[in-house]
PDB file of N, CA and C in Angstrom:
ATOM      1  N   VAL A   1     -12.152  -7.354  -2.225  1.00  0.00           N
ATOM      2  CA  VAL A   1     -13.720  -7.737  -2.473  1.00  0.00           C
ATOM      3  C   VAL A   1     -14.409  -7.026  -1.439  1.00  0.00           C
ATOM      4  N   SER A   2     -15.534  -6.457  -1.977  1.00  0.00           N
ATOM      5  CA  SER A   2     -16.436  -5.596  -1.190  1.00  0.00           C
ATOM      6  C   SER A   2     -17.476  -6.512  -0.688  1.00  0.00           C
ATOM      7  N   GLY A   3     -17.875  -6.242   0.752  1.00  0.00           N
ATOM      8  CA  GLY A   3     -18.826  -6.996   1.366  1.00  0.00           C
ATOM      9  C   GLY A   3     -19.510  -6.276   2.491  1.00  0.00           C
ATOM     10  N   GLY A   4     -20.669  -5.813   2.314  1.00  0.00           N
ATOM     11  CA  GLY A   4     -21.280  -5.025   3.380  1.00  0.00           C
ATOM     12  C   GLY A   4     -20.572  -3.707   3.734  1.00  0.00           C
ATOM     13  N   HIS A   5     -20.265  -3.641   5.152  1.00  0.00           N
ATOM     14  CA  HIS A   5     -19.525  -2.520   5.591  1.00  0.00           C
ATOM     15  C   HIS A   5     -18.073  -2.509   5.638  1.00  0.00           C
ATOM     16  N   HIS A   6     -17.573  -3.867   5.289  1.00  0.00           N
ATOM     17  CA  HIS A   6     -16.231  -3.845   5.296  1.00  0.00           C
ATOM     18  C   HIS A   6     -15.554  -4.222   4.087  1.00  0.00           C
ATOM     19  N   GLU A   7     -14.302  -3.888   3.772  1.00  0.00           N
ATOM     20  CA  GLU A   7     -13.542  -4.379   2.660  1.00  0.00           C
ATOM     21  C   GLU A   7     -12.741  -5.569   3.017  1.00  0.00           C
ATOM     22  N   ARG A   8     -12.724  -6.487   2.398  1.00  0.00           N
ATOM     23  CA  ARG A   8     -11.890  -7.641   2.655  1.00  0.00           C
ATOM     24  C   ARG A   8     -11.238  -8.219   1.550  1.00  0.00           C
ATOM     25  N   ILE A   9     -10.297  -9.288   2.050  1.00  0.00           N
ATOM     26  CA  ILE A   9      -9.541  -9.910   0.912  1.00  0.00           C
ATOM     27  C   ILE A   9      -9.597 -11.387   1.550  1.00  0.00           C
ATOM     28  N   PHE A  10      -9.267 -12.238   0.502  1.00  0.00           N
ATOM     29  CA  PHE A  10      -9.258 -13.775   0.881  1.00  0.00           C
ATOM     30  C   PHE A  10      -7.750 -14.131   0.587  1.00  0.00           C
ATOM     31  N   ARG A  11      -7.192 -14.612   1.695  1.00  0.00           N
ATOM     32  CA  ARG A  11      -5.676 -14.951   1.616  1.00  0.00           C
ATOM     33  C   ARG A  11      -5.595 -16.419   1.515  1.00  0.00           C
ATOM     34  N   SER A  12      -4.667 -17.002   0.983  1.00  0.00           N
ATOM     35  CA  SER A  12      -4.390 -18.502   0.947  1.00  0.00           C
ATOM     36  C   SER A  12      -3.023 -18.839   1.263  1.00  0.00           C
ATOM     37  N   GLU A  13      -2.804 -19.561   2.183  1.00  0.00           N
ATOM     38  CA  GLU A  13      -1.326 -19.944   2.555  1.00  0.00           C
ATOM     39  C   GLU A  13      -0.907 -21.423   2.242  1.00  0.00           C
ATOM     40  N   ASP A  14      -1.748 -21.881   1.362  1.00  0.00           N
ATOM     41  CA  ASP A  14      -1.653 -23.317   0.999  1.00  0.00           C
ATOM     42  C   ASP A  14      -1.851 -23.495  -0.604  1.00  0.00           C
ATOM     43  N   PHE A  15      -1.543 -22.341  -1.232  1.00  0.00           N
ATOM     44  CA  PHE A  15      -1.594 -22.281  -2.736  1.00  0.00           C
ATOM     45  C   PHE A  15      -3.076 -22.498  -3.283  1.00  0.00           C
ATOM     46  N   GLY A  16      -4.100 -22.066  -2.608  1.00  0.00           N
ATOM     47  CA  GLY A  16      -5.427 -22.019  -2.921  1.00  0.00           C
ATOM     48  C   GLY A  16      -6.287 -23.183  -2.576  1.00  0.00           C
ATOM     49  N   LYS A  17      -5.690 -24.090  -1.708  1.00  0.00           N
ATOM     50  CA  LYS A  17      -6.479 -25.183  -1.181  1.00  0.00           C
ATOM     51  C   LYS A  17      -7.506 -24.600  -0.198  1.00  0.00           C
ATOM     52  N   SER A  18      -7.243 -23.704   0.615  1.00  0.00           N
ATOM     53  CA  SER A  18      -8.235 -23.099   1.505  1.00  0.00           C
ATOM     54  C   SER A  18      -7.892 -21.668   1.559  1.00  0.00           C
ATOM     55  N   PHE A  19      -8.869 -20.889   2.016  1.00  0.00           N
ATOM     56  CA  PHE A  19      -8.803 -19.344   2.095  1.00  0.00           C
ATOM     57  C   PHE A  19      -9.136 -18.827   3.477  1.00  0.00           C
ATOM     58  N   ILE A  20      -8.407 -17.736   3.843  1.00  0.00           N
ATOM     59  CA  ILE A  20      -8.704 -17.111   5.025  1.00  0.00           C
ATOM     60  C   ILE A  20      -9.309 -15.677   4.693  1.00  0.00           C
ATOM     61  N   GLN A  21     -10.411 -15.283   5.325  1.00  0.00           N
ATOM     62  CA  GLN A  21     -11.103 -14.150   4.938  1.00  0.00           C
ATOM     63  C   GLN A  21     -10.610 -13.056   5.952  1.00  0.00           C
ATOM     64  N   THR A  22     -10.082 -12.010   5.430  1.00  0.00           N
ATOM     65  CA  THR A  22      -9.489 -10.837   6.305  1.00  0.00           C
ATOM     66  C   THR A  22     -10.136  -9.578   6.014  1.00  0.00           C
ATOM     67  N   ASP A  23     -10.679  -8.987   7.044  1.00  0.00           N
ATOM     68  CA  ASP A  23     -11.285  -7.520   6.877  1.00  0.00           C
ATOM     69  C   ASP A  23     -10.178  -6.530   6.723  1.00  0.00           C
ATOM     70  N   LEU A  24     -10.379  -5.449   5.928  1.00  0.00           N
ATOM     71  CA  LEU A  24      -9.366  -4.510   5.800  1.00  0.00           C
ATOM     72  C   LEU A  24      -9.658  -3.273   6.641  1.00  0.00           C
ATOM     73  N   PRO A  25      -8.727  -2.508   7.121  1.00  0.00           N
ATOM     74  CA  PRO A  25      -9.303  -1.304   7.843  1.00  0.00           C
ATOM     75  C   PRO A  25      -9.265  -0.082   6.978  1.00  0.00           C
ATOM     76  N   PHE A  26      -9.379  -0.294   5.562  1.00  0.00           N
ATOM     77  CA  PHE A  26      -9.438   0.640   4.464  1.00  0.00           C
ATOM     78  C   PHE A  26     -10.143   0.051   3.309  1.00  0.00           C
ATOM     79  N   GLU A  27     -10.425   1.109   2.358  1.00  0.00           N
ATOM     80  CA  GLU A  27     -11.022   0.631   1.187  1.00  0.00           C
ATOM     81  C   GLU A  27      -9.910   0.794  -0.015  1.00  0.00           C
ATOM     82  N   PRO A  28      -9.514  -0.138  -0.630  1.00  0.00           N
ATOM     83  CA  PRO A  28      -8.543  -0.114  -1.544  1.00  0.00           C
ATOM     84  C   PRO A  28      -8.961   0.701  -2.784  1.00  0.00           C
ATOM     85  N   GLN A  29      -7.942   1.672  -3.371  1.00  0.00           N
ATOM     86  CA  GLN A  29      -8.022   2.432  -4.459  1.00  0.00           C
ATOM     87  C   GLN A  29      -7.528   1.645  -5.690  1.00  0.00           C
ATOM     88  N   GLN A  30      -6.665   0.735  -5.275  1.00  0.00           N
ATOM     89  CA  GLN A  30      -5.969   0.061  -6.558  1.00  0.00           C
ATOM     90  C   GLN A  30      -5.701  -1.425  -6.081  1.00  0.00           C
ATOM     91  N   GLN A  31      -5.052  -2.080  -7.040  1.00  0.00           N
ATOM     92  CA  GLN A  31      -4.679  -3.588  -6.562  1.00  0.00           C
ATOM     93  C   GLN A  31      -3.577  -3.489  -5.650  1.00  0.00           C
ATOM     94  N   ILE A  32      -3.506  -4.511  -4.870  1.00  0.00           N
ATOM     95  CA  ILE A  32      -2.552  -4.748  -3.890  1.00  0.00           C
ATOM     96  C   ILE A  32      -1.217  -5.116  -4.508  1.00  0.00           C
ATOM     97  N   LEU A  33      -0.026  -4.416  -4.240  1.00  0.00           N
ATOM     98  CA  LEU A  33       1.412  -4.782  -4.746  1.00  0.00           C
ATOM     99  C   LEU A  33       2.132  -5.645  -3.922  1.00  0.00           C
ATOM    100  N   TYR A  34       2.519  -6.668  -4.479  1.00  0.00           N
ATOM    101  CA  TYR A  34       3.414  -7.503  -3.661  1.00  0.00           C
ATOM    102  C   TYR A  34       4.878  -7.124  -3.858  1.00  0.00           C
ATOM    103  N   HIS A  35       5.666  -7.287  -2.954  1.00  0.00           N
ATOM    104  CA  HIS A  35       7.023  -7.137  -2.757  1.00  0.00           C
ATOM    105  C   HIS A  35       7.804  -7.922  -3.872  1.00  0.00           C
ATOM    106  N   PRO A  36       8.635  -7.593  -4.783  1.00  0.00           N
ATOM    107  CA  PRO A  36       9.194  -8.345  -5.891  1.00  0.00           C
ATOM    108  C   PRO A  36       9.980  -9.757  -5.313  1.00  0.00           C
ATOM    109  N   ARG A  37      10.526  -9.583  -4.145  1.00  0.00           N
ATOM    110  CA  ARG A  37      11.100 -10.761  -3.670  1.00  0.00           C
ATOM    111  C   ARG A  37      10.671 -11.337  -2.480  1.00  0.00           C
ATOM    112  N   ASN A  38       9.543 -10.750  -1.808  1.00  0.00           N
ATOM    113  CA  ASN A  38       9.000 -11.381  -0.561  1.00  0.00           C
ATOM    114  C   ASN A  38       7.387 -11.162  -0.584  1.00  0.00           C
ATOM    115  N   ALA A  39       6.713 -12.212  -0.981  1.00  0.00           N
ATOM    116  CA  ALA A  39       5.252 -11.963  -1.273  1.00  0.00           C
ATOM    117  C   ALA A  39       4.488 -11.745   0.170  1.00  0.00           C
ATOM    118  N   SER A  40       5.099 -11.744   1.231  1.00  0.00           N
ATOM    119  CA  SER A  40       4.527 -11.374   2.366  1.00  0.00           C
ATOM    120  C   SER A  40       4.371  -9.912   2.702  1.00  0.00           C
ATOM    121  N   SER A  41       5.053  -9.199   1.978  1.00  0.00           N
ATOM    122  CA  SER A  41       5.115  -7.835   2.073  1.00  0.00           C
ATOM    123  C   SER A  41       4.248  -7.115   0.933  1.00  0.00           C
ATOM    124  N   LEU A  42       3.089  -6.365   1.454  1.00  0.00           N
ATOM    125  CA  LEU A  42       2.217  -5.823   0.559  1.00  0.00           C
ATOM    126  C   LEU A  42       2.113  -4.226   0.637  1.00  0.00           C
ATOM    127  N   LEU A  43       1.748  -3.586  -0.411  1.00  0.00           N
ATOM    128  CA  LEU A  43       1.588  -2.236  -0.373  1.00  0.00           C
ATOM    129  C   LEU A  43       0.189  -1.981  -1.055  1.00  0.00           C
ATOM    130  N   VAL A  44      -0.614  -0.840  -0.724  1.00  0.00           N
ATOM    131  CA  VAL A  44      -1.816  -0.505  -1.354  1.00  0.00           C
ATOM    132  C   VAL A  44      -2.074   0.862  -0.974  1.00  0.00           C
ATOM    133  N   ILE A  45      -2.799   1.568  -1.794  1.00  0.00           N
ATOM    134  CA  ILE A  45      -3.148   3.048  -1.490  1.00  0.00           C
ATOM    135  C   ILE A  45      -4.784   2.833  -1.247  1.00  0.00           C
ATOM    136  N   SER A  46      -5.301   3.597  -0.370  1.00  0.00           N
ATOM    137  CA  SER A  46      -6.687   3.530   0.070  1.00  0.00           C
ATOM    138  C   SER A  46      -7.298   4.596  -0.663  1.00  0.00           C
ATOM    139  N   LEU A  47      -8.799   4.630  -0.712  1.00  0.00           N
ATOM    140  CA  LEU A  47      -9.427   5.652  -1.394  1.00  0.00           C
ATOM    141  C   LEU A  47      -9.354   7.000  -0.792  1.00  0.00           C
ATOM    142  N   ASN A  48      -8.978   7.025   0.617  1.00  0.00           N
ATOM    143  CA  ASN A  48      -8.726   8.387   1.132  1.00  0.00           C
ATOM    144  C   ASN A  48      -7.222   8.770   1.112  1.00  0.00           C
ATOM    145  N   LYS A  49      -6.399   8.074   0.107  1.00  0.00           N
ATOM    146  CA  LYS A  49      -5.036   8.422  -0.238  1.00  0.00           C
ATOM    147  C   LYS A  49      -4.086   8.150   0.771  1.00  0.00           C
ATOM    148  N   SER A  50      -4.440   7.196   1.624  1.00  0.00           N
ATOM    149  CA  SER A  50      -3.479   6.769   2.682  1.00  0.00           C
ATOM    150  C   SER A  50      -2.682   5.471   2.091  1.00  0.00           C
ATOM    151  N   LEU A  51      -1.453   5.354   2.409  1.00  0.00           N
ATOM    152  CA  LEU A  51      -0.633   4.333   1.959  1.00  0.00           C
ATOM    153  C   LEU A  51      -0.505   3.215   3.033  1.00  0.00           C
ATOM    154  N   TRP A  52      -0.855   1.943   2.751  1.00  0.00           N
ATOM    155  CA  TRP A  52      -0.868   1.024   3.836  1.00  0.00           C
ATOM    156  C   TRP A  52       0.100  -0.135   3.495  1.00  0.00           C
ATOM    157  N   LEU A  53       0.651  -0.726   4.531  1.00  0.00           N
ATOM    158  CA  LEU A  53       1.654  -1.683   4.435  1.00  0.00           C
ATOM    159  C   LEU A  53       1.295  -2.972   5.215  1.00  0.00           C
ATOM    160  N   SER A  54       1.509  -4.163   4.659  1.00  0.00           N
ATOM    161  CA  SER A  54       1.468  -5.413   5.478  1.00  0.00           C
ATOM    162  C   SER A  54       2.677  -6.100   5.200  1.00  0.00           C
ATOM    163  N   MET A  55       3.183  -6.600   6.402  1.00  0.00           N
ATOM    164  CA  MET A  55       4.622  -7.468   6.269  1.00  0.00           C
ATOM    165  C   MET A  55       4.024  -9.084   6.582  1.00  0.00           C
ATOM    166  N   ASN A  56       2.803  -9.234   6.701  1.00  0.00           N
ATOM    167  CA  ASN A  56       2.446 -10.583   7.063  1.00  0.00           C
ATOM    168  C   ASN A  56       1.432 -11.181   6.056  1.00  0.00           C
ATOM    169  N   PHE A  57       1.475 -10.954   4.798  1.00  0.00           N
ATOM    170  CA  PHE A  57       0.774 -11.253   3.798  1.00  0.00           C
ATOM    171  C   PHE A  57      -0.750 -10.861   3.855  1.00  0.00           C
ATOM    172  N   GLY A  58      -0.925  -9.739   4.475  1.00  0.00           N
ATOM    173  CA  GLY A  58      -2.195  -9.221   4.602  1.00  0.00           C
ATOM    174  C   GLY A  58      -3.078  -9.431   5.865  1.00  0.00           C
ATOM    175  N   ASP A  59      -2.513 -10.140   6.755  1.00  0.00           N
ATOM    176  CA  ASP A  59      -3.087 -10.474   8.059  1.00  0.00           C
ATOM    177  C   ASP A  59      -3.460  -9.273   8.837  1.00  0.00           C
ATOM    178  N   THR A  60      -2.401  -8.293   8.935  1.00  0.00           N
ATOM    179  CA  THR A  60      -2.470  -6.942   9.670  1.00  0.00           C
ATOM    180  C   THR A  60      -1.919  -5.979   8.826  1.00  0.00           C
ATOM    181  N   TRP A  61      -2.487  -4.707   8.862  1.00  0.00           N
ATOM    182  CA  TRP A  61      -1.986  -3.589   8.159  1.00  0.00           C
ATOM    183  C   TRP A  61      -1.846  -2.304   8.858  1.00  0.00           C
ATOM    184  N   GLN A  62      -0.832  -1.527   8.402  1.00  0.00           N
ATOM    185  CA  GLN A  62      -0.500  -0.338   9.134  1.00  0.00           C
ATOM    186  C   GLN A  62      -0.590   0.772   7.957  1.00  0.00           C
ATOM    187  N   ARG A  63      -0.922   1.949   8.567  1.00  0.00           N
ATOM    188  CA  ARG A  63      -0.918   3.090   7.575  1.00  0.00           C
ATOM    189  C   ARG A  63       0.427   3.755   7.757  1.00  0.00           C
ATOM    190  N   ILE A  64       1.234   3.985   6.653  1.00  0.00           N
ATOM    191  CA  ILE A  64       2.415   4.450   6.758  1.00  0.00           C
ATOM    192  C   ILE A  64       2.620   5.879   6.184  1.00  0.00           C
ATOM    193  N   HIS A  65       1.769   6.316   5.451  1.00  0.00           N
ATOM    194  CA  HIS A  65       1.843   7.669   4.971  1.00  0.00           C
ATOM    195  C   HIS A  65       0.438   8.182   4.306  1.00  0.00           C
ATOM    196  N   GLU A  66       0.119   9.525   4.388  1.00  0.00           N
ATOM    197  CA  GLU A  66      -1.087   9.950   3.849  1.00  0.00           C
ATOM    198  C   GLU A  66      -0.745  10.862   2.585  1.00  0.00           C
ATOM    199  N   LYS A  67      -1.838  11.191   1.867  1.00  0.00           N
ATOM    200  CA  LYS A  67      -1.872  12.108   0.624  1.00  0.00           C
ATOM    201  C   LYS A  67      -1.004  11.466  -0.370  1.00  0.00           C
ATOM    202  N   VAL A  68      -1.008  10.250  -0.533  1.00  0.00           N
ATOM    203  CA  VAL A  68      -0.220   9.610  -1.614  1.00  0.00           C
ATOM    204  C   VAL A  68      -1.105   9.295  -2.864  1.00  0.00           C
ATOM    205  N   CYS A  69      -0.286   9.529  -4.025  1.00  0.00           N
ATOM    206  CA  CYS A  69      -0.883   9.481  -5.341  1.00  0.00           C
ATOM    207  C   CYS A  69      -0.559   8.011  -6.065  1.00  0.00           C
ATOM    208  N   SER A  70       0.747   7.679  -5.787  1.00  0.00           N
ATOM    209  CA  SER A  70       1.144   6.495  -6.412  1.00  0.00           C
ATOM    210  C   SER A  70       2.248   5.822  -5.698  1.00  0.00           C
ATOM    211  N   VAL A  71       2.453   4.473  -5.729  1.00  0.00           N
ATOM    212  CA  VAL A  71       3.480   3.813  -5.232  1.00  0.00           C
ATOM    213  C   VAL A  71       4.037   2.652  -6.055  1.00  0.00           C
ATOM    214  N   ARG A  72       5.240   2.364  -5.754  1.00  0.00           N
ATOM    215  CA  ARG A  72       5.898   1.192  -6.338  1.00  0.00           C
ATOM    216  C   ARG A  72       7.028   0.812  -5.397  1.00  0.00           C
ATOM    217  N   TRP A  73       7.253  -0.624  -5.578  1.00  0.00           N
ATOM    218  CA  TRP A  73       8.509  -1.235  -4.860  1.00  0.00           C
ATOM    219  C   TRP A  73       9.714  -0.892  -5.330  1.00  0.00           C
ATOM    220  N   GLY A  74      10.789  -0.581  -4.844  1.00  0.00           N
ATOM    221  CA  GLY A  74      12.033  -0.384  -5.481  1.00  0.00           C
ATOM    222  C   GLY A  74      12.823  -1.836  -5.586  1.00  0.00           C
ATOM    223  N   PRO A  75      13.935  -1.626  -6.265  1.00  0.00           N
ATOM    224  CA  PRO A  75      14.802  -2.855  -6.460  1.00  0.00           C
ATOM    225  C   PRO A  75      15.145  -3.668  -5.260  1.00  0.00           C
ATOM    226  N   GLU A  76      15.356  -3.060  -4.202  1.00  0.00           N
ATOM    227  CA  GLU A  76      15.717  -3.644  -2.951  1.00  0.00           C
ATOM    228  C   GLU A  76      14.439  -3.778  -1.859  1.00  0.00           C
ATOM    229  N   ASP A  77      14.559  -3.090  -0.795  1.00  0.00           N
ATOM    230  CA  ASP A  77      13.320  -2.967  -0.060  1.00  0.00           C
ATOM    231  C   ASP A  77      12.858  -1.726   0.113  1.00  0.00           C
ATOM    232  N   GLU A  78      13.186  -0.764  -0.825  1.00  0.00           N
ATOM    233  CA  GLU A  78      12.693   0.554  -1.059  1.00  0.00           C
ATOM    234  C   GLU A  78      11.202   0.705  -1.360  1.00  0.00           C
ATOM    235  N   ILE A  79      10.564   1.560  -0.879  1.00  0.00           N
ATOM    236  CA  ILE A  79       9.207   1.997  -1.224  1.00  0.00           C
ATOM    237  C   ILE A  79       9.276   3.406  -1.767  1.00  0.00           C
ATOM    238  N   TYR A  80       8.900   3.603  -3.177  1.00  0.00           N
ATOM    239  CA  TYR A  80       8.831   4.884  -3.789  1.00  0.00           C
ATOM    240  C   TYR A  80       7.259   5.277  -3.960  1.00  0.00           C
ATOM    241  N   PHE A  81       7.048   6.422  -3.602  1.00  0.00           N
ATOM    242  CA  PHE A  81       5.712   7.047  -3.765  1.00  0.00           C
ATOM    243  C   PHE A  81       5.727   8.487  -3.909  1.00  0.00           C
ATOM    244  N   THR A  82       4.581   8.884  -4.592  1.00  0.00           N
ATOM    245  CA  THR A  82       4.473  10.459  -4.828  1.00  0.00           C
ATOM    246  C   THR A  82       3.400  10.911  -3.808  1.00  0.00           C
ATOM    247  N   THR A  83       3.404  12.127  -3.488  1.00  0.00           N
ATOM    248  CA  THR A  83       2.353  12.672  -2.490  1.00  0.00           C
ATOM    249  C   THR A  83       1.982  14.142  -3.146  1.00  0.00           C
ATOM    250  N   ASP A  84       0.938  14.527  -2.759  1.00  0.00           N
ATOM    251  CA  ASP A  84       0.400  15.728  -3.180  1.00  0.00           C
ATOM    252  C   ASP A  84      -0.309  16.374  -1.894  1.00  0.00           C
ATOM    253  N   SER A  85       0.022  17.512  -1.485  1.00  0.00           N
ATOM    254  CA  SER A  85      -0.460  18.190  -0.196  1.00  0.00           C
ATOM    255  C   SER A  85      -1.888  18.537  -0.430  1.00  0.00           C
ATOM    256  N   ASN A  86      -2.341  18.738  -1.778  1.00  0.00           N
ATOM    257  CA  ASN A  86      -3.656  19.051  -2.088  1.00  0.00           C
ATOM    258  C   ASN A  86      -4.467  17.831  -2.278  1.00  0.00           C
ATOM    259  N   GLU A  87      -3.902  16.669  -2.216  1.00  0.00           N
ATOM    260  CA  GLU A  87      -4.584  15.404  -2.415  1.00  0.00           C
ATOM    261  C   GLU A  87      -5.288  15.238  -3.699  1.00  0.00           C
ATOM    262  N   LEU A  88      -5.030  16.083  -4.745  1.00  0.00           N
ATOM    263  CA  LEU A  88      -5.782  16.030  -6.043  1.00  0.00           C
ATOM    264  C   LEU A  88      -4.982  14.969  -6.871  1.00  0.00           C
ATOM    265  N   CYS A  89      -3.599  14.937  -6.916  1.00  0.00           N
ATOM    266  CA  CYS A  89      -2.722  13.973  -7.583  1.00  0.00           C
ATOM    267  C   CYS A  89      -2.881  14.263  -9.183  1.00  0.00           C
ATOM    268  N   ILE A  90      -3.234  15.534  -9.466  1.00  0.00           N
ATOM    269  CA  ILE A  90      -3.426  15.672 -11.106  1.00  0.00           C
ATOM    270  C   ILE A  90      -2.452  16.753 -11.437  1.00  0.00           C
ATOM    271  N   GLY A  91      -1.936  17.519 -10.519  1.00  0.00           N
ATOM    272  CA  GLY A  91      -1.117  18.837 -10.905  1.00  0.00           C
ATOM    273  C   GLY A  91       0.164  18.444 -11.198  1.00  0.00           C
ATOM    274  N   ARG A  92       0.691  18.939 -12.399  1.00  0.00           N
ATOM    275  CA  ARG A  92       2.108  18.763 -12.760  1.00  0.00           C
ATOM    276  C   ARG A  92       2.811  19.635 -11.942  1.00  0.00           C
ATOM    277  N   GLY A  93       4.009  19.268 -11.568  1.00  0.00           N
ATOM    278  CA  GLY A  93       4.889  19.904 -10.792  1.00  0.00           C
ATOM    279  C   GLY A  93       4.582  20.197  -9.258  1.00  0.00           C
ATOM    280  N   ALA A  94       3.354  19.577  -8.987  1.00  0.00           N
ATOM    281  CA  ALA A  94       2.787  19.680  -7.531  1.00  0.00           C
ATOM    282  C   ALA A  94       3.323  18.519  -6.717  1.00  0.00           C
ATOM    283  N   LEU A  95       3.540  17.416  -7.446  1.00  0.00           N
ATOM    284  CA  LEU A  95       3.711  16.262  -6.780  1.00  0.00           C
ATOM    285  C   LEU A  95       5.301  16.134  -6.281  1.00  0.00           C
ATOM    286  N   GLU A  96       5.421  15.349  -5.037  1.00  0.00           N
ATOM    287  CA  GLU A  96       6.728  15.107  -4.517  1.00  0.00           C
ATOM    288  C   GLU A  96       7.025  13.554  -4.639  1.00  0.00           C
ATOM    289  N   LEU A  97       8.193  13.250  -5.089  1.00  0.00           N
ATOM    290  CA  LEU A  97       8.557  11.935  -5.092  1.00  0.00           C
ATOM    291  C   LEU A  97       9.326  11.542  -3.775  1.00  0.00           C
ATOM    292  N   CYS A  98       8.843  10.604  -3.034  1.00  0.00           N
ATOM    293  CA  CYS A  98       9.476  10.152  -1.822  1.00  0.00           C
ATOM    294  C   CYS A  98       9.970   8.842  -1.804  1.00  0.00           C
ATOM    295  N   ARG A  99      11.071   8.449  -0.881  1.00  0.00           N
ATOM    296  CA  ARG A  99      11.611   7.151  -0.758  1.00  0.00           C
ATOM    297  C   ARG A  99      11.679   6.745   0.606  1.00  0.00           C
ATOM    298  N   SER A 100      11.339   5.594   0.997  1.00  0.00           N
ATOM    299  CA  SER A 100      11.569   5.047   2.310  1.00  0.00           C
ATOM    300  C   SER A 100      12.458   3.784   2.108  1.00  0.00           C
ATOM    301  N   THR A 101      13.436   3.580   2.921  1.00  0.00           N
ATOM    302  CA  THR A 101      14.225   2.516   3.061  1.00  0.00           C
ATOM    303  C   THR A 101      14.086   1.485   4.147  1.00  0.00           C
ATOM    304  N   ASP A 102      12.997   1.834   5.074  1.00  0.00           N
ATOM    305  CA  ASP A 102      12.871   1.059   6.335  1.00  0.00           C
ATOM    306  C   ASP A 102      11.300   0.758   6.391  1.00  0.00           C
ATOM    307  N   PHE A 103      10.709   0.438   5.231  1.00  0.00           N
ATOM    308  CA  PHE A 103       9.296  -0.028   5.278  1.00  0.00           C
ATOM    309  C   PHE A 103       8.302   0.952   5.838  1.00  0.00           C
ATOM    310  N   GLY A 104       8.576   2.305   5.483  1.00  0.00           N
ATOM    311  CA  GLY A 104       7.636   3.417   5.874  1.00  0.00           C
ATOM    312  C   GLY A 104       7.851   3.914   7.314  1.00  0.00           C
ATOM    313  N   LYS A 105       8.925   3.490   7.913  1.00  0.00           N
ATOM    314  CA  LYS A 105       9.051   4.022   9.184  1.00  0.00           C
ATOM    315  C   LYS A 105       9.417   5.617   9.107  1.00  0.00           C
ATOM    316  N   THR A 106      10.310   5.836   8.121  1.00  0.00           N
ATOM    317  CA  THR A 106      10.617   7.226   7.741  1.00  0.00           C
ATOM    318  C   THR A 106      10.748   7.268   6.111  1.00  0.00           C
ATOM    319  N   SER A 107      10.616   8.558   5.733  1.00  0.00           N
ATOM    320  CA  SER A 107      10.677   8.814   4.169  1.00  0.00           C
ATOM    321  C   SER A 107      11.313  10.080   4.005  1.00  0.00           C
ATOM    322  N   LYS A 108      11.893  10.131   2.799  1.00  0.00           N
ATOM    323  CA  LYS A 108      12.562  11.505   2.434  1.00  0.00           C
ATOM    324  C   LYS A 108      12.268  11.830   0.957  1.00  0.00           C
ATOM    325  N   VAL A 109      11.904  13.139   0.820  1.00  0.00           N
ATOM    326  CA  VAL A 109      11.651  13.727  -0.364  1.00  0.00           C
ATOM    327  C   VAL A 109      12.764  13.637  -1.288  1.00  0.00           C
ATOM    328  N   ILE A 110      12.803  13.050  -2.551  1.00  0.00           N
ATOM    329  CA  ILE A 110      14.038  13.018  -3.410  1.00  0.00           C
ATOM    330  C   ILE A 110      13.876  13.628  -4.616  1.00  0.00           C
ATOM    331  N   ALA A 111      12.551  14.145  -4.972  1.00  0.00           N
ATOM    332  CA  ALA A 111      12.394  15.074  -6.238  1.00  0.00           C
ATOM    333  C   ALA A 111      10.902  15.635  -6.066  1.00  0.00           C
TER     334      ALA A 111
END
């Protein structure tokens, strides 16, 4: 949700009975992705192509990678994402596929 100079989300820990407004340190480019087995873990790409992770249902966020074009959760706790050093995200053959198995602390180019 956009509001003034800050982007924000509204989180609920009681199934929608009440909401907590949380300002984001970035402007989302896409919808927030929930971890398939742990809804507290969230991923999103910002407008400036940074990949952001929250491990506490959106309360705090950390930037884990830059120049990111797309992202998906893997079947376990992996994060798969594509990067483009030119930040264009349109060039065929120019994208690199990366995988992180430690929630973004490290990543490896796999294709």
